[in-house]
Amino acid sequence: AIISRDRELCGRRVGSILMETTDLDEQIALVVESYPVNKKDILSRCLGCNSILDIVPKGEAKGNVPEGVIERHVEFWKCHECNKFYWPGSHWSNMKLKAEKFLR
């Protein structure tokens, strides 16, 4: 299924969801209402290519993330498709809390 703000694209794909709002809370609510979402799946995909992220050892993240991040964090994830690294910083925590609000 496709979720998009593109009316023409959604019109071409059966089962697509047209995202008519720009409000983030309304967008999250629409996704959660439309698809089963498990808490464990929140922030489990790459923001760049949507591939599933894998947990990687801190040593693998070293040299691929800012030095201060290595010093402050223990947990890291990597997209093995586009090689982006992720960590549970403040932005991650805020997004996770916002998403979990809709799953209660």
N, C-alpha and C. Protein backbone atom coordinates (compact mmCIF):
# COMPACT_ATOMS: atom_id res chain seq x y z
N ALA A 1 0.85 -1.19 0.00
CA ALA A 1 0.00 0.00 0.00
C ALA A 1 0.89 1.25 0.00
N ILE A 2 0.34 2.29 -0.52
CA ILE A 2 1.05 3.56 -0.57
C ILE A 2 0.30 4.58 0.27
N ILE A 3 1.06 5.34 1.03
CA ILE A 3 0.52 6.50 1.73
C ILE A 3 1.21 7.70 1.12
N SER A 4 0.44 8.62 0.59
CA SER A 4 1.05 9.75 -0.11
C SER A 4 0.15 10.97 -0.07
N ARG A 5 0.75 12.12 -0.28
CA ARG A 5 0.00 13.36 -0.43
C ARG A 5 -0.31 13.61 -1.91
N ASP A 6 0.18 12.73 -2.77
CA ASP A 6 0.00 12.85 -4.21
C ASP A 6 -1.33 12.21 -4.62
N ARG A 7 -2.31 13.04 -4.90
CA ARG A 7 -3.66 12.58 -5.23
C ARG A 7 -3.65 11.68 -6.47
N GLU A 8 -2.89 12.07 -7.49
CA GLU A 8 -2.84 11.29 -8.73
C GLU A 8 -2.25 9.90 -8.49
N LEU A 9 -1.16 9.84 -7.74
CA LEU A 9 -0.53 8.56 -7.43
C LEU A 9 -1.49 7.65 -6.68
N CYS A 10 -2.14 8.18 -5.67
CA CYS A 10 -3.09 7.37 -4.89
C CYS A 10 -4.26 6.91 -5.74
N GLY A 11 -4.65 7.70 -6.72
CA GLY A 11 -5.74 7.32 -7.61
C GLY A 11 -5.38 6.16 -8.51
N ARG A 12 -4.09 5.94 -8.73
CA ARG A 12 -3.65 4.84 -9.61
C ARG A 12 -3.43 3.53 -8.86
N ARG A 13 -3.33 3.58 -7.54
CA ARG A 13 -3.06 2.37 -6.76
C ARG A 13 -4.23 2.03 -5.85
N VAL A 14 -4.83 0.88 -6.07
CA VAL A 14 -5.93 0.42 -5.23
C VAL A 14 -5.41 0.23 -3.80
N GLY A 15 -6.15 0.68 -2.82
CA GLY A 15 -5.78 0.51 -1.43
C GLY A 15 -4.86 1.60 -0.90
N SER A 16 -4.53 2.56 -1.75
CA SER A 16 -3.66 3.66 -1.32
C SER A 16 -4.42 4.60 -0.38
N ILE A 17 -3.65 5.28 0.44
CA ILE A 17 -4.24 6.24 1.37
C ILE A 17 -3.72 7.62 1.02
N LEU A 18 -4.64 8.53 0.76
CA LEU A 18 -4.27 9.91 0.47
C LEU A 18 -4.10 10.65 1.78
N MET A 19 -2.91 11.17 1.99
CA MET A 19 -2.61 11.93 3.20
C MET A 19 -2.93 13.39 2.91
N GLU A 20 -4.10 13.83 3.33
CA GLU A 20 -4.54 15.19 3.00
C GLU A 20 -4.09 16.23 4.01
N THR A 21 -3.68 15.81 5.16
CA THR A 21 -3.28 16.75 6.20
C THR A 21 -1.77 16.94 6.23
N THR A 22 -1.34 18.10 6.69
CA THR A 22 0.09 18.33 6.91
C THR A 22 0.43 18.30 8.39
N ASP A 23 -0.60 18.13 9.22
CA ASP A 23 -0.40 18.07 10.67
C ASP A 23 0.18 16.71 11.05
N LEU A 24 1.34 16.71 11.71
CA LEU A 24 2.03 15.46 12.03
C LEU A 24 1.19 14.53 12.90
N ASP A 25 0.53 15.04 13.92
CA ASP A 25 -0.30 14.19 14.78
C ASP A 25 -1.42 13.53 13.98
N GLU A 26 -2.04 14.28 13.08
CA GLU A 26 -3.10 13.71 12.24
C GLU A 26 -2.54 12.67 11.28
N GLN A 27 -1.34 12.89 10.77
CA GLN A 27 -0.72 11.92 9.87
C GLN A 27 -0.43 10.61 10.60
N ILE A 28 0.13 10.71 11.80
CA ILE A 28 0.43 9.51 12.58
C ILE A 28 -0.86 8.77 12.91
N ALA A 29 -1.88 9.49 13.32
CA ALA A 29 -3.17 8.87 13.66
C ALA A 29 -3.73 8.12 12.46
N LEU A 30 -3.64 8.70 11.27
CA LEU A 30 -4.16 8.04 10.06
C LEU A 30 -3.41 6.75 9.78
N VAL A 31 -2.10 6.77 9.91
CA VAL A 31 -1.31 5.56 9.66
C VAL A 31 -1.67 4.48 10.68
N VAL A 32 -1.75 4.83 11.95
CA VAL A 32 -2.05 3.86 13.00
C VAL A 32 -3.46 3.29 12.84
N GLU A 33 -4.40 4.13 12.41
CA GLU A 33 -5.77 3.66 12.17
C GLU A 33 -5.84 2.75 10.95
N SER A 34 -4.99 2.97 9.97
CA SER A 34 -5.06 2.25 8.70
C SER A 34 -4.29 0.94 8.69
N TYR A 35 -3.25 0.84 9.49
CA TYR A 35 -2.38 -0.33 9.48
C TYR A 35 -2.07 -0.76 10.90
N PRO A 36 -1.96 -2.09 11.10
CA PRO A 36 -1.55 -2.55 12.43
C PRO A 36 -0.10 -2.16 12.68
N VAL A 37 0.13 -1.49 13.78
CA VAL A 37 1.48 -1.04 14.13
C VAL A 37 1.81 -1.58 15.52
N ASN A 38 2.94 -2.28 15.62
CA ASN A 38 3.41 -2.77 16.91
C ASN A 38 4.43 -1.80 17.47
N LYS A 39 4.45 -1.65 18.79
CA LYS A 39 5.41 -0.74 19.42
C LYS A 39 6.84 -1.09 19.03
N LYS A 40 7.14 -2.36 18.87
CA LYS A 40 8.50 -2.77 18.54
C LYS A 40 8.92 -2.33 17.15
N ASP A 41 7.94 -2.00 16.30
CA ASP A 41 8.23 -1.59 14.94
C ASP A 41 8.46 -0.09 14.79
N ILE A 42 8.19 0.67 15.85
CA ILE A 42 8.37 2.12 15.78
C ILE A 42 9.86 2.43 15.60
N LEU A 43 10.15 3.25 14.62
CA LEU A 43 11.52 3.68 14.30
C LEU A 43 12.44 2.51 13.99
N SER A 44 11.90 1.48 13.35
CA SER A 44 12.70 0.31 13.01
C SER A 44 13.16 0.33 11.56
N ARG A 45 12.82 1.41 10.84
CA ARG A 45 13.17 1.50 9.42
C ARG A 45 13.98 2.75 9.12
N CYS A 46 14.77 2.66 8.09
CA CYS A 46 15.62 3.77 7.66
C CYS A 46 14.75 4.91 7.13
N LEU A 47 15.07 6.12 7.57
CA LEU A 47 14.33 7.29 7.09
C LEU A 47 14.66 7.60 5.64
N GLY A 48 15.78 7.11 5.15
CA GLY A 48 16.19 7.38 3.77
C GLY A 48 15.60 6.43 2.76
N CYS A 49 15.65 5.12 3.05
CA CYS A 49 15.23 4.14 2.03
C CYS A 49 14.16 3.17 2.52
N ASN A 50 13.77 3.28 3.79
CA ASN A 50 12.71 2.45 4.40
C ASN A 50 13.12 1.00 4.64
N SER A 51 14.40 0.68 4.54
CA SER A 51 14.85 -0.67 4.85
C SER A 51 14.86 -0.87 6.36
N ILE A 52 14.81 -2.13 6.76
CA ILE A 52 14.83 -2.45 8.19
C ILE A 52 16.22 -2.18 8.75
N LEU A 53 16.26 -1.53 9.91
CA LEU A 53 17.53 -1.22 10.57
C LEU A 53 17.99 -2.41 11.40
N ASP A 54 19.30 -2.59 11.46
CA ASP A 54 19.90 -3.65 12.26
C ASP A 54 20.69 -3.03 13.41
N ILE A 55 20.64 -3.65 14.56
CA ILE A 55 21.46 -3.22 15.69
C ILE A 55 22.91 -3.54 15.35
N VAL A 56 23.79 -2.58 15.62
CA VAL A 56 25.21 -2.79 15.36
C VAL A 56 26.01 -2.45 16.62
N PRO A 57 27.17 -3.07 16.78
CA PRO A 57 28.00 -2.74 17.94
C PRO A 57 28.52 -1.31 17.84
N LYS A 58 28.77 -0.73 18.99
CA LYS A 58 29.26 0.64 19.07
C LYS A 58 30.52 0.83 18.23
N GLY A 59 31.36 -0.16 18.21
CA GLY A 59 32.60 -0.08 17.43
C GLY A 59 32.36 0.12 15.94
N GLU A 60 31.28 -0.45 15.43
CA GLU A 60 30.96 -0.30 14.01
C GLU A 60 30.48 1.13 13.71
N ALA A 61 29.84 1.75 14.69
CA ALA A 61 29.36 3.11 14.50
C ALA A 61 30.49 4.13 14.58
N LYS A 62 31.54 3.78 15.33
CA LYS A 62 32.67 4.72 15.50
C LYS A 62 33.27 5.06 14.14
N GLY A 63 33.45 6.35 13.92
CA GLY A 63 33.95 6.83 12.64
C GLY A 63 32.85 7.11 11.63
N ASN A 64 31.63 6.68 11.97
CA ASN A 64 30.49 6.89 11.07
C ASN A 64 29.46 7.84 11.66
N VAL A 65 29.65 8.21 12.92
CA VAL A 65 28.77 9.17 13.59
C VAL A 65 29.66 10.19 14.30
N PRO A 66 29.13 11.35 14.65
CA PRO A 66 29.96 12.33 15.35
C PRO A 66 30.57 11.76 16.63
N GLU A 67 31.79 12.17 16.95
CA GLU A 67 32.52 11.65 18.12
C GLU A 67 31.72 11.82 19.41
N GLY A 68 31.07 12.96 19.59
CA GLY A 68 30.28 13.18 20.80
C GLY A 68 29.14 12.18 20.93
N VAL A 69 28.61 11.74 19.82
CA VAL A 69 27.53 10.75 19.83
C VAL A 69 28.06 9.42 20.34
N ILE A 70 29.24 9.04 19.90
CA ILE A 70 29.87 7.79 20.36
C ILE A 70 30.06 7.83 21.87
N GLU A 71 30.46 8.98 22.39
CA GLU A 71 30.71 9.11 23.82
C GLU A 71 29.43 9.06 24.65
N ARG A 72 28.32 9.57 24.10
CA ARG A 72 27.07 9.68 24.87
C ARG A 72 26.11 8.50 24.71
N HIS A 73 26.29 7.67 23.70
CA HIS A 73 25.30 6.62 23.42
C HIS A 73 25.93 5.23 23.39
N VAL A 74 25.08 4.27 23.66
CA VAL A 74 25.51 2.88 23.67
C VAL A 74 24.86 2.11 22.52
N GLU A 75 23.63 2.48 22.17
CA GLU A 75 22.85 1.78 21.16
C GLU A 75 22.97 2.46 19.80
N PHE A 76 23.19 1.63 18.76
CA PHE A 76 23.28 2.15 17.40
C PHE A 76 22.59 1.18 16.44
N TRP A 77 22.04 1.73 15.36
CA TRP A 77 21.42 0.94 14.31
C TRP A 77 22.00 1.38 12.98
N LYS A 78 22.01 0.45 12.04
CA LYS A 78 22.54 0.77 10.72
C LYS A 78 21.61 0.23 9.65
N CYS A 79 21.45 1.01 8.60
CA CYS A 79 20.75 0.55 7.42
C CYS A 79 21.80 -0.06 6.50
N HIS A 80 21.66 -1.32 6.20
CA HIS A 80 22.65 -2.00 5.37
C HIS A 80 22.38 -1.79 3.88
N GLU A 81 21.33 -1.06 3.56
CA GLU A 81 21.07 -0.71 2.16
C GLU A 81 21.76 0.60 1.79
N CYS A 82 21.60 1.63 2.63
CA CYS A 82 22.19 2.94 2.29
C CYS A 82 23.28 3.37 3.28
N ASN A 83 23.61 2.49 4.25
CA ASN A 83 24.71 2.69 5.19
C ASN A 83 24.55 3.88 6.14
N LYS A 84 23.33 4.31 6.40
CA LYS A 84 23.11 5.37 7.39
C LYS A 84 23.09 4.76 8.78
N PHE A 85 23.59 5.53 9.75
CA PHE A 85 23.59 5.10 11.14
C PHE A 85 22.58 5.93 11.93
N TYR A 86 22.00 5.30 12.94
CA TYR A 86 21.02 5.95 13.80
C TYR A 86 21.36 5.65 15.25
N TRP A 87 20.93 6.52 16.16
CA TRP A 87 21.15 6.35 17.58
C TRP A 87 19.99 7.02 18.32
N PRO A 88 19.76 6.64 19.58
CA PRO A 88 18.61 7.18 20.33
C PRO A 88 18.88 8.55 20.93
N GLY A 89 19.03 9.55 20.07
CA GLY A 89 19.23 10.93 20.54
C GLY A 89 17.90 11.57 20.90
N SER A 90 17.91 12.85 21.17
CA SER A 90 16.69 13.54 21.59
C SER A 90 15.62 13.53 20.51
N HIS A 91 16.01 13.68 19.25
CA HIS A 91 15.03 13.65 18.16
C HIS A 91 14.35 12.29 18.10
N TRP A 92 15.14 11.22 18.24
CA TRP A 92 14.63 9.86 18.24
C TRP A 92 13.64 9.67 19.40
N SER A 93 14.03 10.13 20.59
CA SER A 93 13.17 9.98 21.77
C SER A 93 11.86 10.73 21.59
N ASN A 94 11.92 11.93 21.05
CA ASN A 94 10.70 12.71 20.82
C ASN A 94 9.78 12.04 19.82
N MET A 95 10.34 11.51 18.73
CA MET A 95 9.52 10.82 17.72
C MET A 95 8.90 9.56 18.31
N LYS A 96 9.67 8.82 19.09
CA LYS A 96 9.17 7.57 19.68
C LYS A 96 8.02 7.86 20.64
N LEU A 97 8.17 8.87 21.49
CA LEU A 97 7.09 9.24 22.42
C LEU A 97 5.84 9.67 21.68
N LYS A 98 6.01 10.45 20.64
CA LYS A 98 4.86 10.91 19.84
C LYS A 98 4.14 9.74 19.21
N ALA A 99 4.88 8.81 18.61
CA ALA A 99 4.26 7.66 17.96
C ALA A 99 3.58 6.75 18.98
N GLU A 100 4.22 6.50 20.13
CA GLU A 100 3.65 5.60 21.13
C GLU A 100 2.36 6.17 21.72
N LYS A 101 2.21 7.47 21.72
CA LYS A 101 0.99 8.10 22.21
C LYS A 101 -0.23 7.59 21.46
N PHE A 102 -0.05 7.24 20.21
CA PHE A 102 -1.16 6.78 19.38
C PHE A 102 -1.41 5.29 19.48
N LEU A 103 -0.51 4.57 20.14
CA LEU A 103 -0.63 3.12 20.21
C LEU A 103 -1.17 2.63 21.56
N ARG A 104 -1.59 3.54 22.41
CA ARG A 104 -2.08 3.14 23.73
C ARG A 104 -3.48 2.62 23.66
